[in-house]
Amino acid sequence: MTGRYLLGDYVSRAMAHAVYDKLDDGGYTGRIPPCKGVVAFGSTLHDCETILRSTLEEWIVLGLKLGHPLPIIDNINLNITATREPVDAL
């Protein structure tokens, strides 16, 4: 059986949209254009990427908790409301 990790896929695909720039001081900045406000800074490109991923994860959790619409990335839509079915059949 193959499992799908929707949130993990969303994070990975969002990170594929990341844009990095080298700063004048030698550090780096990163952002994910579809995810407004997700920005990170790091002294190395690796640090910046790590911080950007963490920022993205926190941004997603907060957005879901507050009910903010999240961008659909590569056909992954986290905005779908879960439905509950009665458990009468048990």
PDB file of N, CA and C in Angstrom:
ATOM      1  N   MET A   1       0.843  -1.179   0.000  1.00  0.00           N
ATOM      2  CA  MET A   1       0.000   0.000   0.000  1.00  0.00           C
ATOM      3  C   MET A   1       0.888   1.242   0.000  1.00  0.00           C
ATOM      4  N   THR A   2       0.583   2.154  -0.894  1.00  0.00           N
ATOM      5  CA  THR A   2       1.343   3.384  -1.004  1.00  0.00           C
ATOM      6  C   THR A   2       0.616   4.491  -0.264  1.00  0.00           C
ATOM      7  N   GLY A   3       1.293   5.177   0.646  1.00  0.00           N
ATOM      8  CA  GLY A   3       0.690   6.288   1.388  1.00  0.00           C
ATOM      9  C   GLY A   3       1.040   7.612   0.748  1.00  0.00           C
ATOM     10  N   ARG A   4       0.156   8.555   0.866  1.00  0.00           N
ATOM     11  CA  ARG A   4       0.401   9.906   0.364  1.00  0.00           C
ATOM     12  C   ARG A   4       0.529  10.828   1.565  1.00  0.00           C
ATOM     13  N   TYR A   5       1.505  11.665   1.525  1.00  0.00           N
ATOM     14  CA  TYR A   5       1.726  12.624   2.589  1.00  0.00           C
ATOM     15  C   TYR A   5       1.449  14.004   2.022  1.00  0.00           C
ATOM     16  N   LEU A   6       0.201  14.390   2.069  1.00  0.00           N
ATOM     17  CA  LEU A   6      -0.261  15.615   1.445  1.00  0.00           C
ATOM     18  C   LEU A   6       0.514  16.835   1.928  1.00  0.00           C
ATOM     19  N   LEU A   7       0.671  16.999   3.226  1.00  0.00           N
ATOM     20  CA  LEU A   7       1.354  18.168   3.763  1.00  0.00           C
ATOM     21  C   LEU A   7       2.833  18.159   3.364  1.00  0.00           C
ATOM     22  N   GLY A   8       3.457  17.005   3.449  1.00  0.00           N
ATOM     23  CA  GLY A   8       4.859  16.893   3.037  1.00  0.00           C
ATOM     24  C   GLY A   8       5.046  17.192   1.561  1.00  0.00           C
ATOM     25  N   ASP A   9       4.127  16.702   0.734  1.00  0.00           N
ATOM     26  CA  ASP A   9       4.178  16.991  -0.702  1.00  0.00           C
ATOM     27  C   ASP A   9       4.012  18.476  -0.956  1.00  0.00           C
ATOM     28  N   TYR A  10       3.093  19.102  -0.217  1.00  0.00           N
ATOM     29  CA  TYR A  10       2.836  20.532  -0.383  1.00  0.00           C
ATOM     30  C   TYR A  10       4.103  21.334  -0.055  1.00  0.00           C
ATOM     31  N   VAL A  11       4.737  20.995   1.059  1.00  0.00           N
ATOM     32  CA  VAL A  11       5.956  21.695   1.469  1.00  0.00           C
ATOM     33  C   VAL A  11       7.048  21.497   0.418  1.00  0.00           C
ATOM     34  N   SER A  12       7.242  20.276  -0.038  1.00  0.00           N
ATOM     35  CA  SER A  12       8.283  19.995  -1.037  1.00  0.00           C
ATOM     36  C   SER A  12       8.040  20.748  -2.336  1.00  0.00           C
ATOM     37  N   ARG A  13       6.813  20.754  -2.775  1.00  0.00           N
ATOM     38  CA  ARG A  13       6.502  21.433  -4.042  1.00  0.00           C
ATOM     39  C   ARG A  13       6.560  22.949  -3.902  1.00  0.00           C
ATOM     40  N   ALA A  14       6.174  23.460  -2.747  1.00  0.00           N
ATOM     41  CA  ALA A  14       6.295  24.904  -2.510  1.00  0.00           C
ATOM     42  C   ALA A  14       7.774  25.302  -2.489  1.00  0.00           C
ATOM     43  N   MET A  15       8.607  24.481  -1.855  1.00  0.00           N
ATOM     44  CA  MET A  15      10.037  24.770  -1.806  1.00  0.00           C
ATOM     45  C   MET A  15      10.665  24.759  -3.198  1.00  0.00           C
ATOM     46  N   ALA A  16      10.088  23.996  -4.101  1.00  0.00           N
ATOM     47  CA  ALA A  16      10.593  23.980  -5.482  1.00  0.00           C
ATOM     48  C   ALA A  16      10.365  25.331  -6.168  1.00  0.00           C
ATOM     49  N   HIS A  17       9.460  26.147  -5.632  1.00  0.00           N
ATOM     50  CA  HIS A  17       9.183  27.476  -6.182  1.00  0.00           C
ATOM     51  C   HIS A  17      10.047  28.552  -5.517  1.00  0.00           C
ATOM     52  N   ALA A  18      10.911  28.158  -4.577  1.00  0.00           N
ATOM     53  CA  ALA A  18      11.719  29.126  -3.832  1.00  0.00           C
ATOM     54  C   ALA A  18      12.682  29.868  -4.753  1.00  0.00           C
ATOM     55  N   VAL A  19      12.861  31.144  -4.429  1.00  0.00           N
ATOM     56  CA  VAL A  19      13.786  32.009  -5.154  1.00  0.00           C
ATOM     57  C   VAL A  19      14.781  32.547  -4.125  1.00  0.00           C
ATOM     58  N   TYR A  20      16.060  32.437  -4.438  1.00  0.00           N
ATOM     59  CA  TYR A  20      17.109  32.879  -3.527  1.00  0.00           C
ATOM     60  C   TYR A  20      17.930  33.986  -4.172  1.00  0.00           C
ATOM     61  N   ASP A  21      18.340  34.927  -3.343  1.00  0.00           N
ATOM     62  CA  ASP A  21      19.202  36.015  -3.803  1.00  0.00           C
ATOM     63  C   ASP A  21      20.363  36.150  -2.835  1.00  0.00           C
ATOM     64  N   LYS A  22      21.531  36.451  -3.395  1.00  0.00           N
ATOM     65  CA  LYS A  22      22.705  36.706  -2.547  1.00  0.00           C
ATOM     66  C   LYS A  22      22.713  38.187  -2.181  1.00  0.00           C
ATOM     67  N   LEU A  23      22.929  38.464  -0.915  1.00  0.00           N
ATOM     68  CA  LEU A  23      22.932  39.834  -0.417  1.00  0.00           C
ATOM     69  C   LEU A  23      24.336  40.423  -0.484  1.00  0.00           C
ATOM     70  N   ASP A  24      24.420  41.741  -0.408  1.00  0.00           N
ATOM     71  CA  ASP A  24      25.709  42.428  -0.473  1.00  0.00           C
ATOM     72  C   ASP A  24      26.656  42.013   0.647  1.00  0.00           C
ATOM     73  N   ASP A  25      26.105  41.625   1.807  1.00  0.00           N
ATOM     74  CA  ASP A  25      26.949  41.226   2.940  1.00  0.00           C
ATOM     75  C   ASP A  25      27.400  39.765   2.852  1.00  0.00           C
ATOM     76  N   GLY A  26      27.026  39.071   1.770  1.00  0.00           N
ATOM     77  CA  GLY A  26      27.426  37.681   1.590  1.00  0.00           C
ATOM     78  C   GLY A  26      26.386  36.683   2.050  1.00  0.00           C
ATOM     79  N   GLY A  27      25.359  37.151   2.745  1.00  0.00           N
ATOM     80  CA  GLY A  27      24.275  36.275   3.181  1.00  0.00           C
ATOM     81  C   GLY A  27      23.283  36.031   2.054  1.00  0.00           C
ATOM     82  N   TYR A  28      22.219  35.343   2.384  1.00  0.00           N
ATOM     83  CA  TYR A  28      21.202  34.993   1.387  1.00  0.00           C
ATOM     84  C   TYR A  28      19.803  35.316   1.908  1.00  0.00           C
ATOM     85  N   THR A  29      18.927  35.600   0.990  1.00  0.00           N
ATOM     86  CA  THR A  29      17.515  35.740   1.283  1.00  0.00           C
ATOM     87  C   THR A  29      16.757  34.780   0.377  1.00  0.00           C
ATOM     88  N   GLY A  30      15.685  34.236   0.908  1.00  0.00           N
ATOM     89  CA  GLY A  30      14.865  33.320   0.125  1.00  0.00           C
ATOM     90  C   GLY A  30      13.405  33.664   0.307  1.00  0.00           C
ATOM     91  N   ARG A  31      12.618  33.389  -0.712  1.00  0.00           N
ATOM     92  CA  ARG A  31      11.175  33.624  -0.649  1.00  0.00           C
ATOM     93  C   ARG A  31      10.478  32.608  -1.528  1.00  0.00           C
ATOM     94  N   ILE A  32       9.194  32.430  -1.273  1.00  0.00           N
ATOM     95  CA  ILE A  32       8.378  31.527  -2.080  1.00  0.00           C
ATOM     96  C   ILE A  32       7.243  32.384  -2.630  1.00  0.00           C
ATOM     97  N   PRO A  33       7.352  32.840  -3.887  1.00  0.00           N
ATOM     98  CA  PRO A  33       6.383  33.790  -4.433  1.00  0.00           C
ATOM     99  C   PRO A  33       4.910  33.408  -4.272  1.00  0.00           C
ATOM    100  N   PRO A  34       4.492  32.148  -4.467  1.00  0.00           N
ATOM    101  CA  PRO A  34       3.068  31.857  -4.290  1.00  0.00           C
ATOM    102  C   PRO A  34       2.591  31.985  -2.844  1.00  0.00           C
ATOM    103  N   CYS A  35       3.516  31.952  -1.899  1.00  0.00           N
ATOM    104  CA  CYS A  35       3.175  31.990  -0.464  1.00  0.00           C
ATOM    105  C   CYS A  35       3.573  33.361   0.081  1.00  0.00           C
ATOM    106  N   LYS A  36       2.651  34.290  -0.018  1.00  0.00           N
ATOM    107  CA  LYS A  36       2.915  35.678   0.358  1.00  0.00           C
ATOM    108  C   LYS A  36       3.400  35.779   1.805  1.00  0.00           C
ATOM    109  N   GLY A  37       4.532  36.454   1.984  1.00  0.00           N
ATOM    110  CA  GLY A  37       5.068  36.684   3.319  1.00  0.00           C
ATOM    111  C   GLY A  37       6.040  35.638   3.806  1.00  0.00           C
ATOM    112  N   VAL A  38       6.245  34.571   3.043  1.00  0.00           N
ATOM    113  CA  VAL A  38       7.204  33.540   3.458  1.00  0.00           C
ATOM    114  C   VAL A  38       8.584  33.958   2.944  1.00  0.00           C
ATOM    115  N   VAL A  39       9.380  34.481   3.870  1.00  0.00           N
ATOM    116  CA  VAL A  39      10.702  35.024   3.555  1.00  0.00           C
ATOM    117  C   VAL A  39      11.668  34.551   4.631  1.00  0.00           C
ATOM    118  N   ALA A  40      12.918  34.345   4.238  1.00  0.00           N
ATOM    119  CA  ALA A  40      13.933  33.930   5.217  1.00  0.00           C
ATOM    120  C   ALA A  40      15.275  34.534   4.845  1.00  0.00           C
ATOM    121  N   PHE A  41      16.142  34.643   5.845  1.00  0.00           N
ATOM    122  CA  PHE A  41      17.502  35.130   5.657  1.00  0.00           C
ATOM    123  C   PHE A  41      18.443  34.148   6.319  1.00  0.00           C
ATOM    124  N   GLY A  42      19.613  33.951   5.714  1.00  0.00           N
ATOM    125  CA  GLY A  42      20.602  33.061   6.292  1.00  0.00           C
ATOM    126  C   GLY A  42      21.998  33.461   5.868  1.00  0.00           C
ATOM    127  N   SER A  43      22.983  33.067   6.673  1.00  0.00           N
ATOM    128  CA  SER A  43      24.363  33.423   6.352  1.00  0.00           C
ATOM    129  C   SER A  43      24.918  32.585   5.203  1.00  0.00           C
ATOM    130  N   THR A  44      24.345  31.390   4.999  1.00  0.00           N
ATOM    131  CA  THR A  44      24.716  30.549   3.860  1.00  0.00           C
ATOM    132  C   THR A  44      23.434  30.159   3.114  1.00  0.00           C
ATOM    133  N   LEU A  45      23.586  29.690   1.901  1.00  0.00           N
ATOM    134  CA  LEU A  45      22.424  29.268   1.131  1.00  0.00           C
ATOM    135  C   LEU A  45      21.712  28.112   1.834  1.00  0.00           C
ATOM    136  N   HIS A  46      22.464  27.184   2.394  1.00  0.00           N
ATOM    137  CA  HIS A  46      21.875  26.050   3.103  1.00  0.00           C
ATOM    138  C   HIS A  46      21.081  26.515   4.328  1.00  0.00           C
ATOM    139  N   ASP A  47      21.664  27.435   5.103  1.00  0.00           N
ATOM    140  CA  ASP A  47      20.953  27.986   6.265  1.00  0.00           C
ATOM    141  C   ASP A  47      19.668  28.677   5.840  1.00  0.00           C
ATOM    142  N   CYS A  48      19.748  29.444   4.776  1.00  0.00           N
ATOM    143  CA  CYS A  48      18.578  30.164   4.284  1.00  0.00           C
ATOM    144  C   CYS A  48      17.481  29.184   3.866  1.00  0.00           C
ATOM    145  N   GLU A  49      17.858  28.127   3.177  1.00  0.00           N
ATOM    146  CA  GLU A  49      16.879  27.129   2.751  1.00  0.00           C
ATOM    147  C   GLU A  49      16.236  26.435   3.956  1.00  0.00           C
ATOM    148  N   THR A  50      17.032  26.110   4.952  1.00  0.00           N
ATOM    149  CA  THR A  50      16.510  25.462   6.159  1.00  0.00           C
ATOM    150  C   THR A  50      15.528  26.376   6.888  1.00  0.00           C
ATOM    151  N   ILE A  51      15.888  27.635   7.022  1.00  0.00           N
ATOM    152  CA  ILE A  51      15.025  28.603   7.695  1.00  0.00           C
ATOM    153  C   ILE A  51      13.763  28.845   6.873  1.00  0.00           C
ATOM    154  N   LEU A  52      13.904  28.895   5.552  1.00  0.00           N
ATOM    155  CA  LEU A  52      12.745  29.107   4.678  1.00  0.00           C
ATOM    156  C   LEU A  52      11.752  27.951   4.805  1.00  0.00           C
ATOM    157  N   ARG A  53      12.240  26.728   4.839  1.00  0.00           N
ATOM    158  CA  ARG A  53      11.360  25.557   5.002  1.00  0.00           C
ATOM    159  C   ARG A  53      10.616  25.626   6.341  1.00  0.00           C
ATOM    160  N   SER A  54      11.326  25.965   7.399  1.00  0.00           N
ATOM    161  CA  SER A  54      10.705  26.075   8.712  1.00  0.00           C
ATOM    162  C   SER A  54       9.654  27.190   8.731  1.00  0.00           C
ATOM    163  N   THR A  55       9.977  28.318   8.127  1.00  0.00           N
ATOM    164  CA  THR A  55       9.032  29.433   8.038  1.00  0.00           C
ATOM    165  C   THR A  55       7.792  29.025   7.263  1.00  0.00           C
ATOM    166  N   LEU A  56       7.979  28.319   6.160  1.00  0.00           N
ATOM    167  CA  LEU A  56       6.860  27.838   5.356  1.00  0.00           C
ATOM    168  C   LEU A  56       5.962  26.908   6.163  1.00  0.00           C
ATOM    169  N   GLU A  57       6.558  25.974   6.882  1.00  0.00           N
ATOM    170  CA  GLU A  57       5.773  25.024   7.687  1.00  0.00           C
ATOM    171  C   GLU A  57       4.936  25.759   8.736  1.00  0.00           C
ATOM    172  N   GLU A  58       5.543  26.721   9.415  1.00  0.00           N
ATOM    173  CA  GLU A  58       4.809  27.499  10.416  1.00  0.00           C
ATOM    174  C   GLU A  58       3.696  28.328   9.768  1.00  0.00           C
ATOM    175  N   TRP A  59       3.967  28.887   8.605  1.00  0.00           N
ATOM    176  CA  TRP A  59       2.994  29.689   7.856  1.00  0.00           C
ATOM    177  C   TRP A  59       1.783  28.833   7.474  1.00  0.00           C
ATOM    178  N   ILE A  60       2.035  27.598   7.038  1.00  0.00           N
ATOM    179  CA  ILE A  60       0.944  26.687   6.665  1.00  0.00           C
ATOM    180  C   ILE A  60       0.089  26.350   7.886  1.00  0.00           C
ATOM    181  N   VAL A  61       0.735  25.964   8.988  1.00  0.00           N
ATOM    182  CA  VAL A  61       0.000  25.590  10.196  1.00  0.00           C
ATOM    183  C   VAL A  61      -0.842  26.764  10.686  1.00  0.00           C
ATOM    184  N   LEU A  62      -0.264  27.947  10.735  1.00  0.00           N
ATOM    185  CA  LEU A  62      -1.007  29.117  11.191  1.00  0.00           C
ATOM    186  C   LEU A  62      -2.160  29.436  10.242  1.00  0.00           C
ATOM    187  N   GLY A  63      -1.909  29.349   8.939  1.00  0.00           N
ATOM    188  CA  GLY A  63      -2.964  29.595   7.963  1.00  0.00           C
ATOM    189  C   GLY A  63      -4.121  28.626   8.107  1.00  0.00           C
ATOM    190  N   LEU A  64      -3.811  27.355   8.303  1.00  0.00           N
ATOM    191  CA  LEU A  64      -4.868  26.355   8.493  1.00  0.00           C
ATOM    192  C   LEU A  64      -5.632  26.615   9.789  1.00  0.00           C
ATOM    193  N   LYS A  65      -4.906  26.940  10.849  1.00  0.00           N
ATOM    194  CA  LYS A  65      -5.539  27.188  12.147  1.00  0.00           C
ATOM    195  C   LYS A  65      -6.474  28.392  12.096  1.00  0.00           C
ATOM    196  N   LEU A  66      -6.063  29.444  11.385  1.00  0.00           N
ATOM    197  CA  LEU A  66      -6.860  30.665  11.314  1.00  0.00           C
ATOM    198  C   LEU A  66      -7.870  30.664  10.161  1.00  0.00           C
ATOM    199  N   GLY A  67      -7.829  29.611   9.358  1.00  0.00           N
ATOM    200  CA  GLY A  67      -8.768  29.502   8.245  1.00  0.00           C
ATOM    201  C   GLY A  67      -8.444  30.400   7.068  1.00  0.00           C
ATOM    202  N   HIS A  68      -7.180  30.797   6.939  1.00  0.00           N
ATOM    203  CA  HIS A  68      -6.780  31.621   5.799  1.00  0.00           C
ATOM    204  C   HIS A  68      -6.661  30.754   4.544  1.00  0.00           C
ATOM    205  N   PRO A  69      -7.055  31.269   3.404  1.00  0.00           N
ATOM    206  CA  PRO A  69      -6.886  30.483   2.178  1.00  0.00           C
ATOM    207  C   PRO A  69      -5.406  30.347   1.829  1.00  0.00           C
ATOM    208  N   LEU A  70      -4.986  29.143   1.542  1.00  0.00           N
ATOM    209  CA  LEU A  70      -3.605  28.884   1.147  1.00  0.00           C
ATOM    210  C   LEU A  70      -3.560  28.697  -0.366  1.00  0.00           C
ATOM    211  N   PRO A  71      -2.456  29.080  -0.993  1.00  0.00           N
ATOM    212  CA  PRO A  71      -2.378  28.919  -2.449  1.00  0.00           C
ATOM    213  C   PRO A  71      -2.373  27.439  -2.840  1.00  0.00           C
ATOM    214  N   ILE A  72      -2.984  27.142  -3.961  1.00  0.00           N
ATOM    215  CA  ILE A  72      -2.935  25.788  -4.522  1.00  0.00           C
ATOM    216  C   ILE A  72      -1.605  25.678  -5.251  1.00  0.00           C
ATOM    217  N   ILE A  73      -0.801  24.712  -4.856  1.00  0.00           N
ATOM    218  CA  ILE A  73       0.525  24.538  -5.447  1.00  0.00           C
ATOM    219  C   ILE A  73       0.595  23.183  -6.120  1.00  0.00           C
ATOM    220  N   ASP A  74       0.855  23.197  -7.411  1.00  0.00           N
ATOM    221  CA  ASP A  74       0.961  21.967  -8.207  1.00  0.00           C
ATOM    222  C   ASP A  74      -0.235  21.037  -7.965  1.00  0.00           C
ATOM    223  N   ASN A  75      -1.414  21.609  -7.985  1.00  0.00           N
ATOM    224  CA  ASN A  75      -2.690  20.894  -7.813  1.00  0.00           C
ATOM    225  C   ASN A  75      -2.903  20.323  -6.417  1.00  0.00           C
ATOM    226  N   ILE A  76      -2.128  20.766  -5.433  1.00  0.00           N
ATOM    227  CA  ILE A  76      -2.365  20.349  -4.046  1.00  0.00           C
ATOM    228  C   ILE A  76      -3.129  21.479  -3.366  1.00  0.00           C
ATOM    229  N   ASN A  77      -4.345  21.171  -2.946  1.00  0.00           N
ATOM    230  CA  ASN A  77      -5.229  22.156  -2.334  1.00  0.00           C
ATOM    231  C   ASN A  77      -5.453  21.792  -0.867  1.00  0.00           C
ATOM    232  N   LEU A  78      -4.879  22.584   0.030  1.00  0.00           N
ATOM    233  CA  LEU A  78      -5.049  22.338   1.462  1.00  0.00           C
ATOM    234  C   LEU A  78      -6.286  23.029   2.023  1.00  0.00           C
ATOM    235  N   ASN A  79      -7.051  23.694   1.169  1.00  0.00           N
ATOM    236  CA  ASN A  79      -8.205  24.461   1.613  1.00  0.00           C
ATOM    237  C   ASN A  79      -9.485  23.647   1.710  1.00  0.00           C
ATOM    238  N   ILE A  80      -9.437  22.391   1.395  1.00  0.00           N
ATOM    239  CA  ILE A  80     -10.632  21.548   1.418  1.00  0.00           C
ATOM    240  C   ILE A  80     -11.043  21.296   2.868  1.00  0.00           C
ATOM    241  N   THR A  81     -12.302  21.535   3.154  1.00  0.00           N
ATOM    242  CA  THR A  81     -12.824  21.317   4.492  1.00  0.00           C
ATOM    243  C   THR A  81     -13.167  19.847   4.682  1.00  0.00           C
ATOM    244  N   ALA A  82     -12.699  19.292   5.774  1.00  0.00           N
ATOM    245  CA  ALA A  82     -12.986  17.886   6.055  1.00  0.00           C
ATOM    246  C   ALA A  82     -14.464  17.721   6.401  1.00  0.00           C
ATOM    247  N   THR A  83     -15.022  16.628   5.938  1.00  0.00           N
ATOM    248  CA  THR A  83     -16.409  16.319   6.285  1.00  0.00           C
ATOM    249  C   THR A  83     -16.412  15.144   7.248  1.00  0.00           C
ATOM    250  N   ARG A  84     -17.407  15.114   8.085  1.00  0.00           N
ATOM    251  CA  ARG A  84     -17.512  14.028   9.062  1.00  0.00           C
ATOM    252  C   ARG A  84     -18.765  13.232   8.761  1.00  0.00           C
ATOM    253  N   GLU A  85     -18.604  11.952   8.773  1.00  0.00           N
ATOM    254  CA  GLU A  85     -19.738  11.062   8.546  1.00  0.00           C
ATOM    255  C   GLU A  85     -20.111  10.399   9.862  1.00  0.00           C
ATOM    256  N   PRO A  86     -21.388  10.101  10.037  1.00  0.00           N
ATOM    257  CA  PRO A  86     -21.804   9.453  11.283  1.00  0.00           C
ATOM    258  C   PRO A  86     -21.191   8.054  11.404  1.00  0.00           C
ATOM    259  N   VAL A  87     -20.974   7.637  12.615  1.00  0.00           N
ATOM    260  CA  VAL A  87     -20.363   6.352  12.865  1.00  0.00           C
ATOM    261  C   VAL A  87     -21.416   5.334  13.296  1.00  0.00           C
ATOM    262  N   ASP A  88     -22.628   5.489  12.824  1.00  0.00           N
ATOM    263  CA  ASP A  88     -23.748   4.607  13.206  1.00  0.00           C
ATOM    264  C   ASP A  88     -23.510   3.146  12.825  1.00  0.00           C
ATOM    265  N   ALA A  89     -22.742   2.922  11.798  1.00  0.00           N
ATOM    266  CA  ALA A  89     -22.589   1.585  11.275  1.00  0.00           C
ATOM    267  C   ALA A  89     -21.830   0.652  12.210  1.00  0.00           C
ATOM    268  N   LEU A  90     -21.166   1.191  13.199  1.00  0.00           N
ATOM    269  CA  LEU A  90     -20.379   0.337  14.094  1.00  0.00           C
ATOM    270  C   LEU A  90     -21.244  -0.419  15.015  1.00  0.00           C
TER     271      LEU A  90
END
